[in-house]
Amino acid sequence: MKNIALIPARGGSKGIKRKNIKLLNNMPLIYWTIKTALASSYIDRVVVSTEDEEIADISRSLCAEVPFMRPASLAQDNSTGIETVLHALEHLPEVSNIL
């Protein structure tokens, strides 16, 4: 059984522009989520779902997987979390659990 940590990280944000790559304590904000997920003994894989190439590149450099890009239509203000999860499941058929 594979437990996947799915981290949704879209490039657009209404509150703080490009928040996932803003520095917090000299590291991109997404670093802290990826680091925590990678440290968990309950998680087998850390997958980032994004439509943004820069976020994808940063995530990969932090040892997270970005095996697919999320379509921009699923990265809008009105996009739901379940849409992101269902999209990920389409691309990760071997996954047993998404955490």
PDB file of N, CA and C in Angstrom:
ATOM      1  N   MET A   1       0.849  -1.186   0.000  1.00  0.00           N
ATOM      2  CA  MET A   1       0.000   0.000   0.000  1.00  0.00           C
ATOM      3  C   MET A   1       0.887   1.240   0.000  1.00  0.00           C
ATOM      4  N   LYS A   2       0.556   2.162  -0.862  1.00  0.00           N
ATOM      5  CA  LYS A   2       1.306   3.414  -0.949  1.00  0.00           C
ATOM      6  C   LYS A   2       0.467   4.549  -0.379  1.00  0.00           C
ATOM      7  N   ASN A   3       1.059   5.288   0.525  1.00  0.00           N
ATOM      8  CA  ASN A   3       0.426   6.484   1.061  1.00  0.00           C
ATOM      9  C   ASN A   3       1.077   7.694   0.408  1.00  0.00           C
ATOM     10  N   ILE A   4       0.261   8.474  -0.273  1.00  0.00           N
ATOM     11  CA  ILE A   4       0.734   9.643  -0.999  1.00  0.00           C
ATOM     12  C   ILE A   4       0.311  10.909  -0.262  1.00  0.00           C
ATOM     13  N   ALA A   5       1.274  11.786  -0.031  1.00  0.00           N
ATOM     14  CA  ALA A   5       0.939  13.129   0.443  1.00  0.00           C
ATOM     15  C   ALA A   5       0.761  13.977  -0.805  1.00  0.00           C
ATOM     16  N   LEU A   6      -0.448  14.439  -1.033  1.00  0.00           N
ATOM     17  CA  LEU A   6      -0.738  15.288  -2.182  1.00  0.00           C
ATOM     18  C   LEU A   6      -0.759  16.736  -1.719  1.00  0.00           C
ATOM     19  N   ILE A   7       0.138  17.526  -2.266  1.00  0.00           N
ATOM     20  CA  ILE A   7       0.248  18.934  -1.888  1.00  0.00           C
ATOM     21  C   ILE A   7      -0.246  19.779  -3.055  1.00  0.00           C
ATOM     22  N   PRO A   8      -1.427  20.386  -2.920  1.00  0.00           N
ATOM     23  CA  PRO A   8      -1.912  21.279  -3.970  1.00  0.00           C
ATOM     24  C   PRO A   8      -1.239  22.645  -3.827  1.00  0.00           C
ATOM     25  N   ALA A   9      -0.665  23.136  -4.920  1.00  0.00           N
ATOM     26  CA  ALA A   9       0.056  24.411  -4.860  1.00  0.00           C
ATOM     27  C   ALA A   9      -0.147  25.158  -6.174  1.00  0.00           C
ATOM     28  N   ARG A  10      -1.114  26.042  -6.187  1.00  0.00           N
ATOM     29  CA  ARG A  10      -1.356  26.776  -7.417  1.00  0.00           C
ATOM     30  C   ARG A  10      -0.541  28.066  -7.437  1.00  0.00           C
ATOM     31  N   GLY A  11      -0.288  28.523  -8.641  1.00  0.00           N
ATOM     32  CA  GLY A  11       0.531  29.717  -8.811  1.00  0.00           C
ATOM     33  C   GLY A  11      -0.198  31.005  -8.476  1.00  0.00           C
ATOM     34  N   GLY A  12      -1.497  31.031  -8.720  1.00  0.00           N
ATOM     35  CA  GLY A  12      -2.272  32.241  -8.456  1.00  0.00           C
ATOM     36  C   GLY A  12      -2.788  32.268  -7.026  1.00  0.00           C
ATOM     37  N   SER A  13      -2.902  33.434  -6.503  1.00  0.00           N
ATOM     38  CA  SER A  13      -3.454  33.607  -5.165  1.00  0.00           C
ATOM     39  C   SER A  13      -4.023  35.008  -5.070  1.00  0.00           C
ATOM     40  N   LYS A  14      -5.174  35.118  -4.459  1.00  0.00           N
ATOM     41  CA  LYS A  14      -5.784  36.432  -4.309  1.00  0.00           C
ATOM     42  C   LYS A  14      -5.170  37.192  -3.143  1.00  0.00           C
ATOM     43  N   GLY A  15      -4.835  36.487  -2.081  1.00  0.00           N
ATOM     44  CA  GLY A  15      -4.339  37.138  -0.871  1.00  0.00           C
ATOM     45  C   GLY A  15      -2.891  37.577  -0.982  1.00  0.00           C
ATOM     46  N   ILE A  16      -2.003  36.601  -1.097  1.00  0.00           N
ATOM     47  CA  ILE A  16      -0.575  36.866  -1.219  1.00  0.00           C
ATOM     48  C   ILE A  16      -0.123  36.313  -2.561  1.00  0.00           C
ATOM     49  N   LYS A  17       0.245  37.185  -3.473  1.00  0.00           N
ATOM     50  CA  LYS A  17       0.651  36.773  -4.808  1.00  0.00           C
ATOM     51  C   LYS A  17       1.857  35.837  -4.749  1.00  0.00           C
ATOM     52  N   ARG A  18       1.756  34.708  -5.468  1.00  0.00           N
ATOM     53  CA  ARG A  18       2.829  33.719  -5.579  1.00  0.00           C
ATOM     54  C   ARG A  18       3.291  33.217  -4.221  1.00  0.00           C
ATOM     55  N   LYS A  19       2.342  33.034  -3.297  1.00  0.00           N
ATOM     56  CA  LYS A  19       2.680  32.706  -1.913  1.00  0.00           C
ATOM     57  C   LYS A  19       3.491  31.427  -1.757  1.00  0.00           C
ATOM     58  N   ASN A  20       3.280  30.438  -2.612  1.00  0.00           N
ATOM     59  CA  ASN A  20       3.995  29.169  -2.455  1.00  0.00           C
ATOM     60  C   ASN A  20       5.494  29.282  -2.661  1.00  0.00           C
ATOM     61  N   ILE A  21       5.930  30.340  -3.340  1.00  0.00           N
ATOM     62  CA  ILE A  21       7.366  30.520  -3.547  1.00  0.00           C
ATOM     63  C   ILE A  21       7.928  31.718  -2.778  1.00  0.00           C
ATOM     64  N   LYS A  22       7.088  32.401  -2.015  1.00  0.00           N
ATOM     65  CA  LYS A  22       7.571  33.482  -1.150  1.00  0.00           C
ATOM     66  C   LYS A  22       8.474  32.883  -0.077  1.00  0.00           C
ATOM     67  N   LEU A  23       9.507  33.605   0.296  1.00  0.00           N
ATOM     68  CA  LEU A  23      10.434  33.098   1.296  1.00  0.00           C
ATOM     69  C   LEU A  23       9.905  33.274   2.705  1.00  0.00           C
ATOM     70  N   LEU A  24      10.046  32.227   3.477  1.00  0.00           N
ATOM     71  CA  LEU A  24       9.727  32.237   4.901  1.00  0.00           C
ATOM     72  C   LEU A  24      10.928  31.612   5.597  1.00  0.00           C
ATOM     73  N   ASN A  25      11.631  32.394   6.387  1.00  0.00           N
ATOM     74  CA  ASN A  25      12.862  31.936   7.025  1.00  0.00           C
ATOM     75  C   ASN A  25      13.864  31.440   5.961  1.00  0.00           C
ATOM     76  N   ASN A  26      14.000  32.205   4.898  1.00  0.00           N
ATOM     77  CA  ASN A  26      14.944  31.969   3.794  1.00  0.00           C
ATOM     78  C   ASN A  26      14.644  30.749   2.928  1.00  0.00           C
ATOM     79  N   MET A  27      13.451  30.190   3.029  1.00  0.00           N
ATOM     80  CA  MET A  27      13.055  29.050   2.197  1.00  0.00           C
ATOM     81  C   MET A  27      11.672  29.339   1.603  1.00  0.00           C
ATOM     82  N   PRO A  28      11.392  28.818   0.393  1.00  0.00           N
ATOM     83  CA  PRO A  28      10.050  29.008  -0.170  1.00  0.00           C
ATOM     84  C   PRO A  28       9.005  28.386   0.759  1.00  0.00           C
ATOM     85  N   LEU A  29       7.860  28.986   0.841  1.00  0.00           N
ATOM     86  CA  LEU A  29       6.800  28.503   1.728  1.00  0.00           C
ATOM     87  C   LEU A  29       6.510  27.017   1.504  1.00  0.00           C
ATOM     88  N   ILE A  30       6.497  26.582   0.251  1.00  0.00           N
ATOM     89  CA  ILE A  30       6.191  25.179  -0.034  1.00  0.00           C
ATOM     90  C   ILE A  30       7.242  24.234   0.544  1.00  0.00           C
ATOM     91  N   TYR A  31       8.445  24.706   0.768  1.00  0.00           N
ATOM     92  CA  TYR A  31       9.502  23.893   1.377  1.00  0.00           C
ATOM     93  C   TYR A  31       9.033  23.279   2.683  1.00  0.00           C
ATOM     94  N   TRP A  32       8.377  24.084   3.516  1.00  0.00           N
ATOM     95  CA  TRP A  32       8.000  23.632   4.851  1.00  0.00           C
ATOM     96  C   TRP A  32       6.982  22.493   4.796  1.00  0.00           C
ATOM     97  N   THR A  33       6.077  22.551   3.845  1.00  0.00           N
ATOM     98  CA  THR A  33       5.096  21.475   3.678  1.00  0.00           C
ATOM     99  C   THR A  33       5.771  20.219   3.140  1.00  0.00           C
ATOM    100  N   ILE A  34       6.602  20.387   2.133  1.00  0.00           N
ATOM    101  CA  ILE A  34       7.305  19.244   1.552  1.00  0.00           C
ATOM    102  C   ILE A  34       8.220  18.596   2.588  1.00  0.00           C
ATOM    103  N   LYS A  35       8.974  19.400   3.312  1.00  0.00           N
ATOM    104  CA  LYS A  35       9.894  18.884   4.333  1.00  0.00           C
ATOM    105  C   LYS A  35       9.154  18.059   5.373  1.00  0.00           C
ATOM    106  N   THR A  36       8.029  18.568   5.843  1.00  0.00           N
ATOM    107  CA  THR A  36       7.248  17.862   6.857  1.00  0.00           C
ATOM    108  C   THR A  36       6.709  16.541   6.313  1.00  0.00           C
ATOM    109  N   ALA A  37       6.203  16.569   5.079  1.00  0.00           N
ATOM    110  CA  ALA A  37       5.668  15.343   4.476  1.00  0.00           C
ATOM    111  C   ALA A  37       6.769  14.305   4.275  1.00  0.00           C
ATOM    112  N   LEU A  38       7.932  14.728   3.794  1.00  0.00           N
ATOM    113  CA  LEU A  38       9.041  13.802   3.573  1.00  0.00           C
ATOM    114  C   LEU A  38       9.532  13.176   4.879  1.00  0.00           C
ATOM    115  N   ALA A  39       9.403  13.890   5.975  1.00  0.00           N
ATOM    116  CA  ALA A  39       9.871  13.393   7.269  1.00  0.00           C
ATOM    117  C   ALA A  39       8.911  12.394   7.914  1.00  0.00           C
ATOM    118  N   SER A  40       7.697  12.305   7.412  1.00  0.00           N
ATOM    119  CA  SER A  40       6.703  11.416   8.017  1.00  0.00           C
ATOM    120  C   SER A  40       6.965   9.952   7.666  1.00  0.00           C
ATOM    121  N   SER A  41       6.923   9.114   8.646  1.00  0.00           N
ATOM    122  CA  SER A  41       7.093   7.677   8.412  1.00  0.00           C
ATOM    123  C   SER A  41       5.826   7.045   7.832  1.00  0.00           C
ATOM    124  N   TYR A  42       4.742   7.787   7.771  1.00  0.00           N
ATOM    125  CA  TYR A  42       3.474   7.283   7.239  1.00  0.00           C
ATOM    126  C   TYR A  42       3.308   7.568   5.746  1.00  0.00           C
ATOM    127  N   ILE A  43       4.206   8.342   5.196  1.00  0.00           N
ATOM    128  CA  ILE A  43       4.074   8.774   3.803  1.00  0.00           C
ATOM    129  C   ILE A  43       5.168   8.124   2.967  1.00  0.00           C
ATOM    130  N   ASP A  44       4.734   7.490   1.865  1.00  0.00           N
ATOM    131  CA  ASP A  44       5.664   6.826   0.962  1.00  0.00           C
ATOM    132  C   ASP A  44       6.141   7.737  -0.164  1.00  0.00           C
ATOM    133  N   ARG A  45       5.264   8.624  -0.609  1.00  0.00           N
ATOM    134  CA  ARG A  45       5.590   9.538  -1.710  1.00  0.00           C
ATOM    135  C   ARG A  45       4.989  10.902  -1.421  1.00  0.00           C
ATOM    136  N   VAL A  46       5.705  11.937  -1.848  1.00  0.00           N
ATOM    137  CA  VAL A  46       5.209  13.309  -1.735  1.00  0.00           C
ATOM    138  C   VAL A  46       5.030  13.840  -3.150  1.00  0.00           C
ATOM    139  N   VAL A  47       3.780  14.150  -3.495  1.00  0.00           N
ATOM    140  CA  VAL A  47       3.431  14.596  -4.841  1.00  0.00           C
ATOM    141  C   VAL A  47       2.836  15.997  -4.768  1.00  0.00           C
ATOM    142  N   VAL A  48       3.360  16.890  -5.581  1.00  0.00           N
ATOM    143  CA  VAL A  48       2.832  18.255  -5.668  1.00  0.00           C
ATOM    144  C   VAL A  48       1.971  18.351  -6.921  1.00  0.00           C
ATOM    145  N   SER A  49       0.780  18.887  -6.758  1.00  0.00           N
ATOM    146  CA  SER A  49      -0.125  19.150  -7.874  1.00  0.00           C
ATOM    147  C   SER A  49      -0.143  20.651  -8.115  1.00  0.00           C
ATOM    148  N   THR A  50       0.359  21.061  -9.279  1.00  0.00           N
ATOM    149  CA  THR A  50       0.427  22.486  -9.605  1.00  0.00           C
ATOM    150  C   THR A  50       0.276  22.691 -11.103  1.00  0.00           C
ATOM    151  N   GLU A  51      -0.117  23.886 -11.471  1.00  0.00           N
ATOM    152  CA  GLU A  51      -0.174  24.278 -12.878  1.00  0.00           C
ATOM    153  C   GLU A  51       0.998  25.196 -13.217  1.00  0.00           C
ATOM    154  N   ASP A  52       1.833  25.478 -12.235  1.00  0.00           N
ATOM    155  CA  ASP A  52       2.877  26.490 -12.331  1.00  0.00           C
ATOM    156  C   ASP A  52       4.257  25.838 -12.469  1.00  0.00           C
ATOM    157  N   GLU A  53       4.950  26.129 -13.564  1.00  0.00           N
ATOM    158  CA  GLU A  53       6.259  25.516 -13.824  1.00  0.00           C
ATOM    159  C   GLU A  53       7.295  25.868 -12.755  1.00  0.00           C
ATOM    160  N   GLU A  54       7.280  27.102 -12.263  1.00  0.00           N
ATOM    161  CA  GLU A  54       8.258  27.494 -11.251  1.00  0.00           C
ATOM    162  C   GLU A  54       8.038  26.728  -9.954  1.00  0.00           C
ATOM    163  N   ILE A  55       6.784  26.591  -9.543  1.00  0.00           N
ATOM    164  CA  ILE A  55       6.479  25.812  -8.342  1.00  0.00           C
ATOM    165  C   ILE A  55       6.883  24.349  -8.557  1.00  0.00           C
ATOM    166  N   ALA A  56       6.633  23.829  -9.751  1.00  0.00           N
ATOM    167  CA  ALA A  56       7.013  22.450 -10.059  1.00  0.00           C
ATOM    168  C   ALA A  56       8.527  22.276  -9.949  1.00  0.00           C
ATOM    169  N   ASP A  57       9.290  23.201 -10.522  1.00  0.00           N
ATOM    170  CA  ASP A  57      10.750  23.115 -10.471  1.00  0.00           C
ATOM    171  C   ASP A  57      11.273  23.186  -9.035  1.00  0.00           C
ATOM    172  N   ILE A  58      10.735  24.106  -8.262  1.00  0.00           N
ATOM    173  CA  ILE A  58      11.153  24.241  -6.858  1.00  0.00           C
ATOM    174  C   ILE A  58      10.799  22.974  -6.092  1.00  0.00           C
ATOM    175  N   SER A  59       9.615  22.449  -6.318  1.00  0.00           N
ATOM    176  CA  SER A  59       9.183  21.236  -5.622  1.00  0.00           C
ATOM    177  C   SER A  59      10.097  20.062  -5.943  1.00  0.00           C
ATOM    178  N   ARG A  60      10.438  19.907  -7.204  1.00  0.00           N
ATOM    179  CA  ARG A  60      11.357  18.835  -7.596  1.00  0.00           C
ATOM    180  C   ARG A  60      12.728  19.009  -6.933  1.00  0.00           C
ATOM    181  N   SER A  61      13.191  20.246  -6.859  1.00  0.00           N
ATOM    182  CA  SER A  61      14.497  20.492  -6.241  1.00  0.00           C
ATOM    183  C   SER A  61      14.488  20.169  -4.749  1.00  0.00           C
ATOM    184  N   LEU A  62      13.290  20.116  -4.170  1.00  0.00           N
ATOM    185  CA  LEU A  62      13.134  19.802  -2.750  1.00  0.00           C
ATOM    186  C   LEU A  62      12.793  18.322  -2.523  1.00  0.00           C
ATOM    187  N   CYS A  63      12.939  17.516  -3.582  1.00  0.00           N
ATOM    188  CA  CYS A  63      12.731  16.062  -3.544  1.00  0.00           C
ATOM    189  C   CYS A  63      11.267  15.631  -3.537  1.00  0.00           C
ATOM    190  N   ALA A  64      10.365  16.518  -3.903  1.00  0.00           N
ATOM    191  CA  ALA A  64       8.969  16.127  -4.095  1.00  0.00           C
ATOM    192  C   ALA A  64       8.798  15.709  -5.554  1.00  0.00           C
ATOM    193  N   GLU A  65       7.804  14.885  -5.808  1.00  0.00           N
ATOM    194  CA  GLU A  65       7.501  14.472  -7.171  1.00  0.00           C
ATOM    195  C   GLU A  65       6.479  15.426  -7.784  1.00  0.00           C
ATOM    196  N   VAL A  66       6.640  15.680  -9.054  1.00  0.00           N
ATOM    197  CA  VAL A  66       5.636  16.404  -9.836  1.00  0.00           C
ATOM    198  C   VAL A  66       5.460  15.588 -11.115  1.00  0.00           C
ATOM    199  N   PRO A  67       4.721  14.462 -11.018  1.00  0.00           N
ATOM    200  CA  PRO A  67       4.625  13.543 -12.151  1.00  0.00           C
ATOM    201  C   PRO A  67       3.662  13.996 -13.250  1.00  0.00           C
ATOM    202  N   PHE A  68       2.924  15.060 -12.994  1.00  0.00           N
ATOM    203  CA  PHE A  68       1.977  15.611 -13.959  1.00  0.00           C
ATOM    204  C   PHE A  68       1.756  17.067 -13.610  1.00  0.00           C
ATOM    205  N   MET A  69       1.273  17.817 -14.580  1.00  0.00           N
ATOM    206  CA  MET A  69       0.913  19.217 -14.329  1.00  0.00           C
ATOM    207  C   MET A  69      -0.611  19.311 -14.266  1.00  0.00           C
ATOM    208  N   ARG A  70      -1.092  20.072 -13.322  1.00  0.00           N
ATOM    209  CA  ARG A  70      -2.524  20.283 -13.187  1.00  0.00           C
ATOM    210  C   ARG A  70      -2.984  21.287 -14.245  1.00  0.00           C
ATOM    211  N   PRO A  71      -4.113  21.046 -14.905  1.00  0.00           N
ATOM    212  CA  PRO A  71      -4.594  22.023 -15.883  1.00  0.00           C
ATOM    213  C   PRO A  71      -4.991  23.332 -15.191  1.00  0.00           C
ATOM    214  N   ALA A  72      -4.792  24.426 -15.892  1.00  0.00           N
ATOM    215  CA  ALA A  72      -5.136  25.745 -15.340  1.00  0.00           C
ATOM    216  C   ALA A  72      -6.597  25.819 -14.924  1.00  0.00           C
ATOM    217  N   SER A  73      -7.455  25.070 -15.592  1.00  0.00           N
ATOM    218  CA  SER A  73      -8.882  25.084 -15.249  1.00  0.00           C
ATOM    219  C   SER A  73      -9.149  24.541 -13.845  1.00  0.00           C
ATOM    220  N   LEU A  74      -8.203  23.776 -13.293  1.00  0.00           N
ATOM    221  CA  LEU A  74      -8.349  23.241 -11.933  1.00  0.00           C
ATOM    222  C   LEU A  74      -7.517  24.033 -10.925  1.00  0.00           C
ATOM    223  N   ALA A  75      -7.069  25.206 -11.321  1.00  0.00           N
ATOM    224  CA  ALA A  75      -6.264  26.050 -10.440  1.00  0.00           C
ATOM    225  C   ALA A  75      -6.858  27.444 -10.338  1.00  0.00           C
ATOM    226  N   GLN A  76      -8.166  27.518 -10.397  1.00  0.00           N
ATOM    227  CA  GLN A  76      -8.873  28.798 -10.327  1.00  0.00           C
ATOM    228  C   GLN A  76      -9.375  29.040  -8.902  1.00  0.00           C
ATOM    229  N   ASP A  77      -9.802  30.264  -8.638  1.00  0.00           N
ATOM    230  CA  ASP A  77     -10.338  30.599  -7.317  1.00  0.00           C
ATOM    231  C   ASP A  77     -11.517  29.719  -6.933  1.00  0.00           C
ATOM    232  N   ASN A  78     -12.295  29.306  -7.929  1.00  0.00           N
ATOM    233  CA  ASN A  78     -13.489  28.514  -7.630  1.00  0.00           C
ATOM    234  C   ASN A  78     -13.262  27.007  -7.795  1.00  0.00           C
ATOM    235  N   SER A  79     -12.029  26.583  -8.057  1.00  0.00           N
ATOM    236  CA  SER A  79     -11.724  25.158  -8.161  1.00  0.00           C
ATOM    237  C   SER A  79     -11.799  24.528  -6.769  1.00  0.00           C
ATOM    238  N   THR A  80     -12.284  23.301  -6.726  1.00  0.00           N
ATOM    239  CA  THR A  80     -12.433  22.627  -5.432  1.00  0.00           C
ATOM    240  C   THR A  80     -11.275  21.668  -5.177  1.00  0.00           C
ATOM    241  N   GLY A  81     -11.064  21.382  -3.921  1.00  0.00           N
ATOM    242  CA  GLY A  81     -10.024  20.443  -3.530  1.00  0.00           C
ATOM    243  C   GLY A  81     -10.269  19.049  -4.080  1.00  0.00           C
ATOM    244  N   ILE A  82     -11.517  18.634  -4.099  1.00  0.00           N
ATOM    245  CA  ILE A  82     -11.821  17.294  -4.592  1.00  0.00           C
ATOM    246  C   ILE A  82     -11.495  17.163  -6.074  1.00  0.00           C
ATOM    247  N   GLU A  83     -11.656  18.237  -6.835  1.00  0.00           N
ATOM    248  CA  GLU A  83     -11.282  18.204  -8.254  1.00  0.00           C
ATOM    249  C   GLU A  83      -9.779  17.946  -8.411  1.00  0.00           C
ATOM    250  N   THR A  84      -9.001  18.547  -7.548  1.00  0.00           N
ATOM    251  CA  THR A  84      -7.557  18.351  -7.572  1.00  0.00           C
ATOM    252  C   THR A  84      -7.206  16.908  -7.226  1.00  0.00           C
ATOM    253  N   VAL A  85      -7.870  16.358  -6.226  1.00  0.00           N
ATOM    254  CA  VAL A  85      -7.621  14.973  -5.819  1.00  0.00           C
ATOM    255  C   VAL A  85      -8.021  14.007  -6.934  1.00  0.00           C
ATOM    256  N   LEU A  86      -9.183  14.208  -7.528  1.00  0.00           N
ATOM    257  CA  LEU A  86      -9.639  13.321  -8.602  1.00  0.00           C
ATOM    258  C   LEU A  86      -8.704  13.391  -9.810  1.00  0.00           C
ATOM    259  N   HIS A  87      -8.223  14.576 -10.120  1.00  0.00           N
ATOM    260  CA  HIS A  87      -7.266  14.727 -11.215  1.00  0.00           C
ATOM    261  C   HIS A  87      -5.984  13.952 -10.897  1.00  0.00           C
ATOM    262  N   ALA A  88      -5.506  14.062  -9.684  1.00  0.00           N
ATOM    263  CA  ALA A  88      -4.302  13.329  -9.284  1.00  0.00           C
ATOM    264  C   ALA A  88      -4.514  11.824  -9.393  1.00  0.00           C
ATOM    265  N   LEU A  89      -5.670  11.341  -8.965  1.00  0.00           N
ATOM    266  CA  LEU A  89      -5.950   9.906  -9.035  1.00  0.00           C
ATOM    267  C   LEU A  89      -5.963   9.395 -10.472  1.00  0.00           C
ATOM    268  N   GLU A  90      -6.385  10.232 -11.409  1.00  0.00           N
ATOM    269  CA  GLU A  90      -6.348   9.846 -12.827  1.00  0.00           C
ATOM    270  C   GLU A  90      -4.915   9.597 -13.292  1.00  0.00           C
ATOM    271  N   HIS A  91      -3.967  10.319 -12.716  1.00  0.00           N
ATOM    272  CA  HIS A  91      -2.567  10.225 -13.126  1.00  0.00           C
ATOM    273  C   HIS A  91      -1.744   9.295 -12.234  1.00  0.00           C
ATOM    274  N   LEU A  92      -2.325   8.848 -11.146  1.00  0.00           N
ATOM    275  CA  LEU A  92      -1.614   7.977 -10.204  1.00  0.00           C
ATOM    276  C   LEU A  92      -2.461   6.726  -9.909  1.00  0.00           C
ATOM    277  N   PRO A  93      -2.687   5.892 -10.907  1.00  0.00           N
ATOM    278  CA  PRO A  93      -3.590   4.748 -10.707  1.00  0.00           C
ATOM    279  C   PRO A  93      -3.099   3.736  -9.691  1.00  0.00           C
ATOM    280  N   GLU A  94      -1.791   3.743  -9.391  1.00  0.00           N
ATOM    281  CA  GLU A  94      -1.231   2.789  -8.432  1.00  0.00           C
ATOM    282  C   GLU A  94      -1.426   3.195  -6.984  1.00  0.00           C
ATOM    283  N   VAL A  95      -1.961   4.387  -6.760  1.00  0.00           N
ATOM    284  CA  VAL A  95      -2.091   4.941  -5.413  1.00  0.00           C
ATOM    285  C   VAL A  95      -3.219   4.265  -4.645  1.00  0.00           C
ATOM    286  N   SER A  96      -2.928   3.898  -3.408  1.00  0.00           N
ATOM    287  CA  SER A  96      -3.936   3.321  -2.528  1.00  0.00           C
ATOM    288  C   SER A  96      -4.597   4.381  -1.646  1.00  0.00           C
ATOM    289  N   ASN A  97      -3.773   5.283  -1.132  1.00  0.00           N
ATOM    290  CA  ASN A  97      -4.264   6.292  -0.190  1.00  0.00           C
ATOM    291  C   ASN A  97      -3.646   7.648  -0.493  1.00  0.00           C
ATOM    292  N   ILE A  98      -4.490   8.665  -0.478  1.00  0.00           N
ATOM    293  CA  ILE A  98      -3.984  10.050  -0.564  1.00  0.00           C
ATOM    294  C   ILE A  98      -4.223  10.687   0.784  1.00  0.00           C
ATOM    295  N   LEU A  99      -3.162  11.239   1.346  1.00  0.00           N
ATOM    296  CA  LEU A  99      -3.243  11.861   2.671  1.00  0.00           C
ATOM    297  C   LEU A  99      -3.178  13.365   2.528  1.00  0.00           C
TER     298      LEU A  99
END
